[in-house]
Amino acid sequence: MGKDLYLHVPGVRSALDALPPQASPGLKEIMFSGPEAKLFPPVNSPFPSLFFESTVALSLSVAYSLRAAGACPDCAAGRSVGEFSAFAFAGAVSEGFCYRAIREFSRLGQRNCLERPSVLLTVYGASRNDLKQACAALNKGGQVCELVNFYSRLNAGVAGMDAALAAPFRALLPRRTKVKPCREVGAFHTSLFADTAAAVAALAAAEPFSRPACALYCASDARPAVSPARLRKRFSRAVDAPVLWEETLDAMLRDGVRTFVELAPGAMLTEFISELPQDAEVLRTDTPENYRRALARLKRA
């Protein structure tokens, strides 16, 4: 992940070579070459996953490179752990704190899953109502089964639950659906991760938050924020709150955003999720060629 950008885009290379000391040792090499066991270790591994940290490192490096080349955003948003990098990029928190928080999130989340096994399931072909009804049927008596997010254009949703509910959950869905387990170790963005969210909130309570350089749209409530006090409260919700990503994109569109820059592979975070108007565009940065095209377009804007 990111190796071609590192080799062929000097700005990305400079940013990845300057990772802060709070980043995990060898993170860049692991991001490029693995091994898989360090990116997606088993839940009983003594070492937390480095996948989230790698994703944040790449997205921040691409964003820093674009900004250094003269492309400054009007707003920022992140889906799931992408919200951590959005906070750091906008200057609401320091980059070093972003890495500390991600590591704690990964470590405690893994422990969460070991103590109470849980899963995330992506469901294709079921309506939002189908998923809500299936969750409601199982989310009782101390059991947890919650809808994490739903993308109307894809007709796909993600549900998180206690691991023992996976089979009963599938049985409650229409026959036409396809269910795919996510690679994450557990049901992030559900109440099962309240303890992890509380620990991240405790970290945030001791960290200075600043007014960001641009508005931050938080996916836990799909609203923009610039107040440090409000952003501090929203920071930990990236762990246990449902991800209102489609709603966040719709809010950005209503507020006049028309050019979206993807800091992840492909472009599924925007154009494959939200119905974009004809005058909107999505710029990709996942290859050197796409990065250069995006930068040229942004500099003309």
C-alpha atoms as a PDB file:
ATOM      1  CA  MET A   1       0.000   0.000   0.000  1.00  0.00           C
ATOM      2  CA  GLY A   2       1.407   3.376  -1.044  1.00  0.00           C
ATOM      3  CA  LYS A   3       4.723   2.092  -2.378  1.00  0.00           C
ATOM      4  CA  ASP A   4       4.262   3.475  -5.907  1.00  0.00           C
ATOM      5  CA  LEU A   5       3.349   6.875  -4.492  1.00  0.00           C
ATOM      6  CA  TYR A   6       6.444   6.754  -2.285  1.00  0.00           C
ATOM      7  CA  LEU A   7       8.703   5.905  -5.207  1.00  0.00           C
ATOM      8  CA  HIS A   8       7.303   8.387  -7.724  1.00  0.00           C
ATOM      9  CA  VAL A   9       5.824  11.346  -5.789  1.00  0.00           C
ATOM     10  CA  PRO A  10       8.545  13.295  -3.927  1.00  0.00           C
ATOM     11  CA  GLY A  11       6.086  15.055  -1.624  1.00  0.00           C
ATOM     12  CA  VAL A  12       4.587  11.777  -0.417  1.00  0.00           C
ATOM     13  CA  ARG A  13       8.073  10.317   0.007  1.00  0.00           C
ATOM     14  CA  SER A  14       9.166  13.290   2.119  1.00  0.00           C
ATOM     15  CA  ALA A  15       6.096  13.027   4.341  1.00  0.00           C
ATOM     16  CA  LEU A  16       6.467   9.272   4.879  1.00  0.00           C
ATOM     17  CA  ASP A  17      10.181   9.688   5.610  1.00  0.00           C
ATOM     18  CA  ALA A  18       9.258  12.226   8.300  1.00  0.00           C
ATOM     19  CA  LEU A  19       6.780  10.168  10.322  1.00  0.00           C
ATOM     20  CA  PRO A  20       6.723  11.405  13.936  1.00  0.00           C
ATOM     21  CA  PRO A  21       8.431   9.394  16.695  1.00  0.00           C
ATOM     22  CA  GLN A  22       5.007   8.393  18.030  1.00  0.00           C
ATOM     23  CA  ALA A  23       4.448   6.211  14.935  1.00  0.00           C
ATOM     24  CA  SER A  24       5.244   2.520  15.313  1.00  0.00           C
ATOM     25  CA  PRO A  25       8.816   1.515  14.402  1.00  0.00           C
ATOM     26  CA  GLY A  26       9.132   0.194  10.855  1.00  0.00           C
ATOM     27  CA  LEU A  27       5.623   1.336   9.957  1.00  0.00           C
ATOM     28  CA  LYS A  28       6.563   2.472   6.444  1.00  0.00           C
ATOM     29  CA  GLU A  29       8.194  -0.854   5.523  1.00  0.00           C
ATOM     30  CA  ILE A  30       5.268  -2.834   6.963  1.00  0.00           C
ATOM     31  CA  MET A  31       2.832  -0.689   4.978  1.00  0.00           C
ATOM     32  CA  PHE A  32       4.715  -1.450   1.757  1.00  0.00           C
ATOM     33  CA  SER A  33       5.565  -5.104   2.274  1.00  0.00           C
ATOM     34  CA  GLY A  34       3.727  -6.570   5.237  1.00  0.00           C
ATOM     35  CA  PRO A  35       3.876  -9.199   6.583  1.00  0.00           C
ATOM     36  CA  GLU A  36       0.133  -9.742   6.666  1.00  0.00           C
ATOM     37  CA  ALA A  37       0.349 -10.952  10.260  1.00  0.00           C
ATOM     38  CA  LYS A  38       1.387  -7.464  11.404  1.00  0.00           C
ATOM     39  CA  LEU A  39      -1.402  -5.744   9.504  1.00  0.00           C
ATOM     40  CA  PHE A  40      -4.127  -8.222  10.456  1.00  0.00           C
ATOM     41  CA  PRO A  41      -2.906 -10.286  13.435  1.00  0.00           C
ATOM     42  CA  PRO A  42      -5.190 -12.829  15.116  1.00  0.00           C
ATOM     43  CA  VAL A  43      -7.222 -11.441  17.975  1.00  0.00           C
ATOM     44  CA  ASN A  44      -5.095 -13.294  20.566  1.00  0.00           C
ATOM     45  CA  SER A  45      -1.849 -11.799  19.250  1.00  0.00           C
ATOM     46  CA  PRO A  46       0.245  -9.837  21.786  1.00  0.00           C
ATOM     47  CA  PHE A  47       0.800  -7.253  19.030  1.00  0.00           C
ATOM     48  CA  PRO A  48      -2.007  -4.920  17.930  1.00  0.00           C
ATOM     49  CA  SER A  49      -2.920  -4.491  14.270  1.00  0.00           C
ATOM     50  CA  LEU A  50      -0.878  -1.935  12.321  1.00  0.00           C
ATOM     51  CA  PHE A  51      -3.437  -1.685   9.530  1.00  0.00           C
ATOM     52  CA  PHE A  52      -5.215   1.365  10.951  1.00  0.00           C
ATOM     53  CA  GLU A  53      -1.943   3.145  11.651  1.00  0.00           C
ATOM     54  CA  SER A  54      -0.688   2.392   8.132  1.00  0.00           C
ATOM     55  CA  THR A  55      -3.878   3.764   6.606  1.00  0.00           C
ATOM     56  CA  VAL A  56      -3.557   6.974   8.627  1.00  0.00           C
ATOM     57  CA  ALA A  57       0.128   7.339   7.705  1.00  0.00           C
ATOM     58  CA  LEU A  58      -0.590   7.063   3.989  1.00  0.00           C
ATOM     59  CA  SER A  59      -3.631   9.366   3.973  1.00  0.00           C
ATOM     60  CA  LEU A  60      -1.835  12.028   6.007  1.00  0.00           C
ATOM     61  CA  SER A  61       1.256  11.849   3.807  1.00  0.00           C
ATOM     62  CA  VAL A  62      -0.791  12.304   0.634  1.00  0.00           C
ATOM     63  CA  ALA A  63      -2.730  15.178   2.208  1.00  0.00           C
ATOM     64  CA  TYR A  64       0.439  16.915   3.442  1.00  0.00           C
ATOM     65  CA  SER A  65       2.018  16.529   0.019  1.00  0.00           C
ATOM     66  CA  LEU A  66      -0.973  18.105  -1.747  1.00  0.00           C
ATOM     67  CA  ARG A  67      -1.038  20.988   0.714  1.00  0.00           C
ATOM     68  CA  ALA A  68       2.695  21.595   0.359  1.00  0.00           C
ATOM     69  CA  ALA A  69       2.146  21.797  -3.412  1.00  0.00           C
ATOM     70  CA  GLY A  70      -0.455  24.533  -2.940  1.00  0.00           C
ATOM     71  CA  ALA A  71      -3.759  22.643  -2.676  1.00  0.00           C
ATOM     72  CA  CYS A  72      -5.507  23.772   0.519  1.00  0.00           C
ATOM     73  CA  PRO A  73      -8.907  22.277   1.443  1.00  0.00           C
ATOM     74  CA  ASP A  74     -12.032  24.129   2.545  1.00  0.00           C
ATOM     75  CA  CYS A  75     -13.098  21.242   4.773  1.00  0.00           C
ATOM     76  CA  ALA A  76     -12.108  17.713   5.758  1.00  0.00           C
ATOM     77  CA  ALA A  77     -13.855  14.499   6.772  1.00  0.00           C
ATOM     78  CA  GLY A  78     -12.885  10.934   7.507  1.00  0.00           C
ATOM     79  CA  ARG A  79     -14.676   7.617   7.537  1.00  0.00           C
ATOM     80  CA  SER A  80     -13.956   5.478  10.617  1.00  0.00           C
ATOM     81  CA  VAL A  81     -10.245   5.807  11.540  1.00  0.00           C
ATOM     82  CA  GLY A  82      -9.918   8.242   8.650  1.00  0.00           C
ATOM     83  CA  GLU A  83     -11.460  10.706  11.062  1.00  0.00           C
ATOM     84  CA  PHE A  84      -8.285  10.572  13.180  1.00  0.00           C
ATOM     85  CA  SER A  85      -6.177  11.636  10.206  1.00  0.00           C
ATOM     86  CA  ALA A  86      -8.700  14.355   9.280  1.00  0.00           C
ATOM     87  CA  PHE A  87      -8.354  15.799  12.798  1.00  0.00           C
ATOM     88  CA  ALA A  88      -4.563  15.803  12.531  1.00  0.00           C
ATOM     89  CA  PHE A  89      -4.457  17.201   9.003  1.00  0.00           C
ATOM     90  CA  ALA A  90      -6.793  20.077   9.890  1.00  0.00           C
ATOM     91  CA  GLY A  91      -4.663  20.892  12.940  1.00  0.00           C
ATOM     92  CA  ALA A  92      -7.296  20.098  15.575  1.00  0.00           C
ATOM     93  CA  VAL A  93      -4.786  17.719  17.229  1.00  0.00           C
ATOM     94  CA  SER A  94      -1.078  17.121  16.787  1.00  0.00           C
ATOM     95  CA  GLU A  95       0.106  14.436  14.395  1.00  0.00           C
ATOM     96  CA  GLY A  96       1.923  12.708  17.239  1.00  0.00           C
ATOM     97  CA  PHE A  97      -1.262  12.476  19.281  1.00  0.00           C
ATOM     98  CA  CYS A  98      -3.088  11.057  16.272  1.00  0.00           C
ATOM     99  CA  TYR A  99      -0.651   8.125  16.165  1.00  0.00           C
ATOM    100  CA  ARG A 100      -0.815   7.619  19.932  1.00  0.00           C
ATOM    101  CA  ALA A 101      -4.604   7.511  19.801  1.00  0.00           C
ATOM    102  CA  ILE A 102      -4.629   5.089  16.859  1.00  0.00           C
ATOM    103  CA  ARG A 103      -2.251   2.723  18.642  1.00  0.00           C
ATOM    104  CA  GLU A 104      -4.346   2.795  21.812  1.00  0.00           C
ATOM    105  CA  PHE A 105      -7.492   2.295  19.757  1.00  0.00           C
ATOM    106  CA  SER A 106      -5.957  -0.771  18.054  1.00  0.00           C
ATOM    107  CA  ARG A 107      -4.538  -2.233  21.281  1.00  0.00           C
ATOM    108  CA  LEU A 108      -7.672  -1.823  23.383  1.00  0.00           C
ATOM    109  CA  GLY A 109      -9.958  -2.830  20.529  1.00  0.00           C
ATOM    110  CA  GLN A 110      -8.065  -6.083  20.190  1.00  0.00           C
ATOM    111  CA  ARG A 111      -8.392  -6.680  23.919  1.00  0.00           C
ATOM    112  CA  ASN A 112     -12.100  -5.846  23.666  1.00  0.00           C
ATOM    113  CA  CYS A 113     -12.519  -8.571  21.068  1.00  0.00           C
ATOM    114  CA  LEU A 114     -10.577 -11.110  23.086  1.00  0.00           C
ATOM    115  CA  GLU A 115     -12.720 -10.507  26.171  1.00  0.00           C
ATOM    116  CA  ARG A 116     -15.998 -10.432  24.232  1.00  0.00           C
ATOM    117  CA  PRO A 117     -15.688 -11.766  20.669  1.00  0.00           C
ATOM    118  CA  SER A 118     -17.530  -9.685  18.104  1.00  0.00           C
ATOM    119  CA  VAL A 119     -17.716  -9.306  14.330  1.00  0.00           C
ATOM    120  CA  LEU A 120     -18.546  -6.829  11.585  1.00  0.00           C
ATOM    121  CA  LEU A 121     -20.544  -8.167   8.649  1.00  0.00           C
ATOM    122  CA  THR A 122     -21.048  -6.373   5.328  1.00  0.00           C
ATOM    123  CA  VAL A 123     -24.411  -7.197   3.767  1.00  0.00           C
ATOM    124  CA  TYR A 124     -25.182  -6.640   0.078  1.00  0.00           C
ATOM    125  CA  GLY A 125     -28.718  -6.700  -1.301  1.00  0.00           C
ATOM    126  CA  ALA A 126     -30.681  -6.054   1.905  1.00  0.00           C
ATOM    127  CA  SER A 127     -32.494  -2.778   2.521  1.00  0.00           C
ATOM    128  CA  ARG A 128     -31.759  -0.502   5.457  1.00  0.00           C
ATOM    129  CA  ASN A 129     -35.086  -1.606   6.940  1.00  0.00           C
ATOM    130  CA  ASP A 130     -34.186  -5.298   6.522  1.00  0.00           C
ATOM    131  CA  LEU A 131     -30.982  -4.731   8.478  1.00  0.00           C
ATOM    132  CA  LYS A 132     -32.664  -2.670  11.182  1.00  0.00           C
ATOM    133  CA  GLN A 133     -35.301  -5.356  11.700  1.00  0.00           C
ATOM    134  CA  ALA A 134     -32.680  -8.123  11.910  1.00  0.00           C
ATOM    135  CA  CYS A 135     -30.644  -6.106  14.420  1.00  0.00           C
ATOM    136  CA  ALA A 136     -33.735  -5.294  16.519  1.00  0.00           C
ATOM    137  CA  ALA A 137     -34.696  -8.967  16.679  1.00  0.00           C
ATOM    138  CA  LEU A 138     -31.308  -9.895  18.144  1.00  0.00           C
ATOM    139  CA  ASN A 139     -30.340  -6.765  20.087  1.00  0.00           C
ATOM    140  CA  LYS A 140     -31.926  -7.672  23.410  1.00  0.00           C
ATOM    141  CA  GLY A 141     -31.239  -9.477  26.658  1.00  0.00           C
ATOM    142  CA  GLY A 142     -27.706  -8.148  26.914  1.00  0.00           C
ATOM    143  CA  GLN A 143     -26.846  -9.193  23.364  1.00  0.00           C
ATOM    144  CA  VAL A 144     -25.584  -6.555  20.924  1.00  0.00           C
ATOM    145  CA  CYS A 145     -26.459  -6.392  17.228  1.00  0.00           C
ATOM    146  CA  GLU A 146     -26.310  -2.889  15.751  1.00  0.00           C
ATOM    147  CA  LEU A 147     -26.349  -1.260  12.328  1.00  0.00           C
ATOM    148  CA  VAL A 148     -22.980   0.462  11.834  1.00  0.00           C
ATOM    149  CA  ASN A 149     -23.633   2.185   8.506  1.00  0.00           C
ATOM    150  CA  PHE A 150     -25.625   1.922   5.289  1.00  0.00           C
ATOM    151  CA  TYR A 151     -24.837   3.072   1.760  1.00  0.00           C
ATOM    152  CA  SER A 152     -27.994   3.486  -0.303  1.00  0.00           C
ATOM    153  CA  ARG A 153     -26.352   3.641  -3.708  1.00  0.00           C
ATOM    154  CA  LEU A 154     -24.505   0.374  -3.079  1.00  0.00           C
ATOM    155  CA  ASN A 155     -27.515  -1.143  -1.331  1.00  0.00           C
ATOM    156  CA  ALA A 156     -25.024  -2.325   1.244  1.00  0.00           C
ATOM    157  CA  GLY A 157     -24.844  -2.051   4.999  1.00  0.00           C
ATOM    158  CA  VAL A 158     -22.533  -3.070   7.810  1.00  0.00           C
ATOM    159  CA  ALA A 159     -23.731  -4.554  11.090  1.00  0.00           C
ATOM    160  CA  GLY A 160     -21.701  -5.244  14.226  1.00  0.00           C
ATOM    161  CA  MET A 161     -22.611  -7.856  16.788  1.00  0.00           C
ATOM    162  CA  ASP A 162     -21.543 -10.399  19.373  1.00  0.00           C
ATOM    163  CA  ALA A 163     -19.824 -13.177  17.440  1.00  0.00           C
ATOM    164  CA  ALA A 164     -22.425 -15.771  18.485  1.00  0.00           C
ATOM    165  CA  LEU A 165     -25.134 -13.774  16.688  1.00  0.00           C
ATOM    166  CA  ALA A 166     -23.553 -13.994  13.221  1.00  0.00           C
ATOM    167  CA  ALA A 167     -25.427 -17.140  12.160  1.00  0.00           C
ATOM    168  CA  PRO A 168     -28.840 -16.067  13.554  1.00  0.00           C
ATOM    169  CA  PHE A 169     -28.357 -12.658  11.925  1.00  0.00           C
ATOM    170  CA  ARG A 170     -27.739 -14.207   8.498  1.00  0.00           C
ATOM    171  CA  ALA A 171     -30.844 -16.370   8.934  1.00  0.00           C
ATOM    172  CA  LEU A 172     -33.024 -13.275   9.432  1.00  0.00           C
ATOM    173  CA  LEU A 173     -31.947 -11.632   6.157  1.00  0.00           C
ATOM    174  CA  PRO A 174     -33.716 -12.019   2.782  1.00  0.00           C
ATOM    175  CA  ARG A 175     -32.400 -14.906   0.684  1.00  0.00           C
ATOM    176  CA  ARG A 176     -31.056 -12.616  -2.028  1.00  0.00           C
ATOM    177  CA  THR A 177     -28.444 -11.075   0.281  1.00  0.00           C
ATOM    178  CA  LYS A 178     -24.722 -11.691   0.259  1.00  0.00           C
ATOM    179  CA  VAL A 179     -22.897 -11.508   3.598  1.00  0.00           C
ATOM    180  CA  LYS A 180     -19.167 -10.936   3.867  1.00  0.00           C
ATOM    181  CA  PRO A 181     -17.186 -10.798   7.144  1.00  0.00           C
ATOM    182  CA  CYS A 182     -14.986  -7.710   7.496  1.00  0.00           C
ATOM    183  CA  ARG A 183     -11.273  -8.130   8.185  1.00  0.00           C
ATOM    184  CA  GLU A 184     -11.324  -5.987  11.316  1.00  0.00           C
ATOM    185  CA  VAL A 185     -11.001  -8.015  14.495  1.00  0.00           C
ATOM    186  CA  GLY A 186     -14.340  -6.938  15.963  1.00  0.00           C
ATOM    187  CA  ALA A 187     -17.472  -4.810  15.975  1.00  0.00           C
ATOM    188  CA  PHE A 188     -15.991  -1.321  15.934  1.00  0.00           C
ATOM    189  CA  HIS A 189     -18.587   1.488  15.865  1.00  0.00           C
ATOM    190  CA  THR A 190     -20.973  -0.360  18.166  1.00  0.00           C
ATOM    191  CA  SER A 191     -21.660  -0.156  21.896  1.00  0.00           C
ATOM    192  CA  LEU A 192     -19.425  -3.227  22.290  1.00  0.00           C
ATOM    193  CA  PHE A 193     -16.516  -0.790  21.974  1.00  0.00           C
ATOM    194  CA  ALA A 194     -17.708   1.666  24.620  1.00  0.00           C
ATOM    195  CA  ASP A 195     -14.755   0.828  26.887  1.00  0.00           C
ATOM    196  CA  THR A 196     -12.258   1.496  24.102  1.00  0.00           C
ATOM    197  CA  ALA A 197     -14.039   4.743  23.244  1.00  0.00           C
ATOM    198  CA  ALA A 198     -13.860   5.796  26.906  1.00  0.00           C
ATOM    199  CA  ALA A 199     -10.105   5.151  26.947  1.00  0.00           C
ATOM    200  CA  VAL A 200      -9.610   7.206  23.774  1.00  0.00           C
ATOM    201  CA  ALA A 201     -11.770   9.954  25.329  1.00  0.00           C
ATOM    202  CA  ALA A 202      -9.515   9.926  28.398  1.00  0.00           C
ATOM    203  CA  LEU A 203      -6.488  10.424  26.142  1.00  0.00           C
ATOM    204  CA  ALA A 204      -8.275  13.274  24.394  1.00  0.00           C
ATOM    205  CA  ALA A 205      -9.175  14.916  27.708  1.00  0.00           C
ATOM    206  CA  ALA A 206      -5.480  15.376  28.466  1.00  0.00           C
ATOM    207  CA  GLU A 207      -4.601  16.637  24.983  1.00  0.00           C
ATOM    208  CA  PRO A 208      -4.901  20.249  23.795  1.00  0.00           C
ATOM    209  CA  PHE A 209      -7.379  20.611  20.930  1.00  0.00           C
ATOM    210  CA  SER A 210      -7.120  23.612  18.601  1.00  0.00           C
ATOM    211  CA  ARG A 211      -9.437  25.395  16.238  1.00  0.00           C
ATOM    212  CA  PRO A 212      -8.854  23.587  12.905  1.00  0.00           C
ATOM    213  CA  ALA A 213      -7.634  25.310   9.756  1.00  0.00           C
ATOM    214  CA  CYS A 214     -10.802  24.141   8.009  1.00  0.00           C
ATOM    215  CA  ALA A 215     -14.182  22.803   9.076  1.00  0.00           C
ATOM    216  CA  LEU A 216     -14.241  19.143  10.126  1.00  0.00           C
ATOM    217  CA  TYR A 217     -17.323  17.103   9.263  1.00  0.00           C
ATOM    218  CA  CYS A 218     -17.650  14.424  11.943  1.00  0.00           C
ATOM    219  CA  ALA A 219     -19.163  11.149  10.781  1.00  0.00           C
ATOM    220  CA  SER A 220     -20.775  10.450  14.165  1.00  0.00           C
ATOM    221  CA  ASP A 221     -23.301  13.254  13.614  1.00  0.00           C
ATOM    222  CA  ALA A 222     -22.737  14.296   9.962  1.00  0.00           C
ATOM    223  CA  ARG A 223     -22.205  17.925  10.934  1.00  0.00           C
ATOM    224  CA  PRO A 224     -19.275  20.352  10.559  1.00  0.00           C
ATOM    225  CA  ALA A 225     -17.434  21.581  13.632  1.00  0.00           C
ATOM    226  CA  VAL A 226     -14.636  24.028  14.399  1.00  0.00           C
ATOM    227  CA  SER A 227     -15.027  24.428  18.173  1.00  0.00           C
ATOM    228  CA  PRO A 228     -12.165  22.670  20.032  1.00  0.00           C
ATOM    229  CA  ALA A 229     -14.562  21.675  22.836  1.00  0.00           C
ATOM    230  CA  ARG A 230     -16.980  20.044  20.434  1.00  0.00           C
ATOM    231  CA  LEU A 231     -14.224  18.363  18.454  1.00  0.00           C
ATOM    232  CA  ARG A 232     -12.784  16.873  21.652  1.00  0.00           C
ATOM    233  CA  LYS A 233     -16.171  15.256  22.365  1.00  0.00           C
ATOM    234  CA  ARG A 234     -16.475  13.980  18.796  1.00  0.00           C
ATOM    235  CA  PHE A 235     -12.966  12.511  18.639  1.00  0.00           C
ATOM    236  CA  SER A 236     -13.681   9.360  20.639  1.00  0.00           C
ATOM    237  CA  ARG A 237     -17.007   8.791  18.877  1.00  0.00           C
ATOM    238  CA  ALA A 238     -15.037   7.607  15.849  1.00  0.00           C
ATOM    239  CA  VAL A 239     -14.621   4.399  17.881  1.00  0.00           C
ATOM    240  CA  ASP A 240     -18.107   3.375  19.031  1.00  0.00           C
ATOM    241  CA  ALA A 241     -20.649   5.544  17.174  1.00  0.00           C
ATOM    242  CA  PRO A 242     -22.327   4.422  13.938  1.00  0.00           C
ATOM    243  CA  VAL A 243     -20.594   5.862  10.865  1.00  0.00           C
ATOM    244  CA  LEU A 244     -22.969   8.286   9.166  1.00  0.00           C
ATOM    245  CA  TRP A 245     -20.777   8.534   6.094  1.00  0.00           C
ATOM    246  CA  GLU A 246     -23.464   8.805   3.448  1.00  0.00           C
ATOM    247  CA  GLU A 247     -25.146  11.462   5.591  1.00  0.00           C
ATOM    248  CA  THR A 248     -21.818  13.270   5.994  1.00  0.00           C
ATOM    249  CA  LEU A 249     -21.316  13.420   2.230  1.00  0.00           C
ATOM    250  CA  ASP A 250     -24.875  14.691   1.779  1.00  0.00           C
ATOM    251  CA  ALA A 251     -24.226  17.431   4.359  1.00  0.00           C
ATOM    252  CA  MET A 252     -21.066  18.486   2.523  1.00  0.00           C
ATOM    253  CA  LEU A 253     -22.980  18.619  -0.759  1.00  0.00           C
ATOM    254  CA  ARG A 254     -25.708  20.749   0.821  1.00  0.00           C
ATOM    255  CA  ASP A 255     -23.013  23.120   2.069  1.00  0.00           C
ATOM    256  CA  GLY A 256     -21.655  23.578  -1.444  1.00  0.00           C
ATOM    257  CA  VAL A 257     -18.762  21.101  -1.622  1.00  0.00           C
ATOM    258  CA  ARG A 258     -18.318  19.971  -5.218  1.00  0.00           C
ATOM    259  CA  THR A 259     -14.725  18.694  -5.414  1.00  0.00           C
ATOM    260  CA  PHE A 260     -13.836  15.683  -3.267  1.00  0.00           C
ATOM    261  CA  VAL A 261     -10.271  14.389  -2.970  1.00  0.00           C
ATOM    262  CA  GLU A 262      -9.943  10.719  -2.051  1.00  0.00           C
ATOM    263  CA  LEU A 263      -6.990   9.852   0.179  1.00  0.00           C
ATOM    264  CA  ALA A 264      -7.614   6.123  -0.057  1.00  0.00           C
ATOM    265  CA  PRO A 265      -7.355   3.455  -2.773  1.00  0.00           C
ATOM    266  CA  GLY A 266     -10.051   3.852  -5.390  1.00  0.00           C
ATOM    267  CA  ALA A 267     -12.932   6.284  -5.030  1.00  0.00           C
ATOM    268  CA  MET A 268     -15.599   4.297  -3.223  1.00  0.00           C
ATOM    269  CA  LEU A 269     -15.800   6.660  -0.251  1.00  0.00           C
ATOM    270  CA  THR A 270     -17.691   9.187  -2.338  1.00  0.00           C
ATOM    271  CA  GLU A 271     -18.949   8.466  -5.820  1.00  0.00           C
ATOM    272  CA  PHE A 272     -19.961   4.859  -5.142  1.00  0.00           C
ATOM    273  CA  ILE A 273     -21.798   5.771  -1.946  1.00  0.00           C
ATOM    274  CA  SER A 274     -23.557   9.098  -2.419  1.00  0.00           C
ATOM    275  CA  GLU A 275     -25.545  10.343  -5.397  1.00  0.00           C
ATOM    276  CA  LEU A 276     -23.353  13.204  -6.557  1.00  0.00           C
ATOM    277  CA  PRO A 277     -24.802  16.047  -8.626  1.00  0.00           C
ATOM    278  CA  GLN A 278     -23.553  16.504 -12.179  1.00  0.00           C
ATOM    279  CA  ASP A 279     -21.310  19.405 -11.212  1.00  0.00           C
ATOM    280  CA  ALA A 280     -19.471  17.400  -8.520  1.00  0.00           C
ATOM    281  CA  GLU A 281     -16.199  15.555  -9.068  1.00  0.00           C
ATOM    282  CA  VAL A 282     -14.045  13.017  -7.232  1.00  0.00           C
ATOM    283  CA  LEU A 283     -10.275  13.239  -7.549  1.00  0.00           C
ATOM    284  CA  ARG A 284      -8.281  10.106  -6.803  1.00  0.00           C
ATOM    285  CA  THR A 285      -4.758   9.952  -5.411  1.00  0.00           C
ATOM    286  CA  ASP A 286      -4.190   6.198  -5.249  1.00  0.00           C
ATOM    287  CA  THR A 287      -1.574   6.046  -8.047  1.00  0.00           C
ATOM    288  CA  PRO A 288       1.155   8.480  -9.105  1.00  0.00           C
ATOM    289  CA  GLU A 289      -0.792   9.266 -12.291  1.00  0.00           C
ATOM    290  CA  ASN A 290      -4.036   9.946 -10.420  1.00  0.00           C
ATOM    291  CA  TYR A 291      -2.168  11.988  -7.825  1.00  0.00           C
ATOM    292  CA  ARG A 292      -0.641  14.235 -10.506  1.00  0.00           C
ATOM    293  CA  ARG A 293      -3.988  14.674 -12.257  1.00  0.00           C
ATOM    294  CA  ALA A 294      -5.656  15.572  -8.953  1.00  0.00           C
ATOM    295  CA  LEU A 295      -2.964  18.088  -8.069  1.00  0.00           C
ATOM    296  CA  ALA A 296      -3.145  19.740 -11.499  1.00  0.00           C
ATOM    297  CA  ARG A 297      -6.935  20.023 -11.184  1.00  0.00           C
ATOM    298  CA  LEU A 298      -6.744  21.482  -7.663  1.00  0.00           C
ATOM    299  CA  LYS A 299      -4.166  24.066  -8.668  1.00  0.00           C
ATOM    300  CA  ARG A 300      -6.479  25.242 -11.468  1.00  0.00           C
ATOM    301  CA  ALA A 301      -9.401  25.622  -9.059  1.00  0.00           C
END
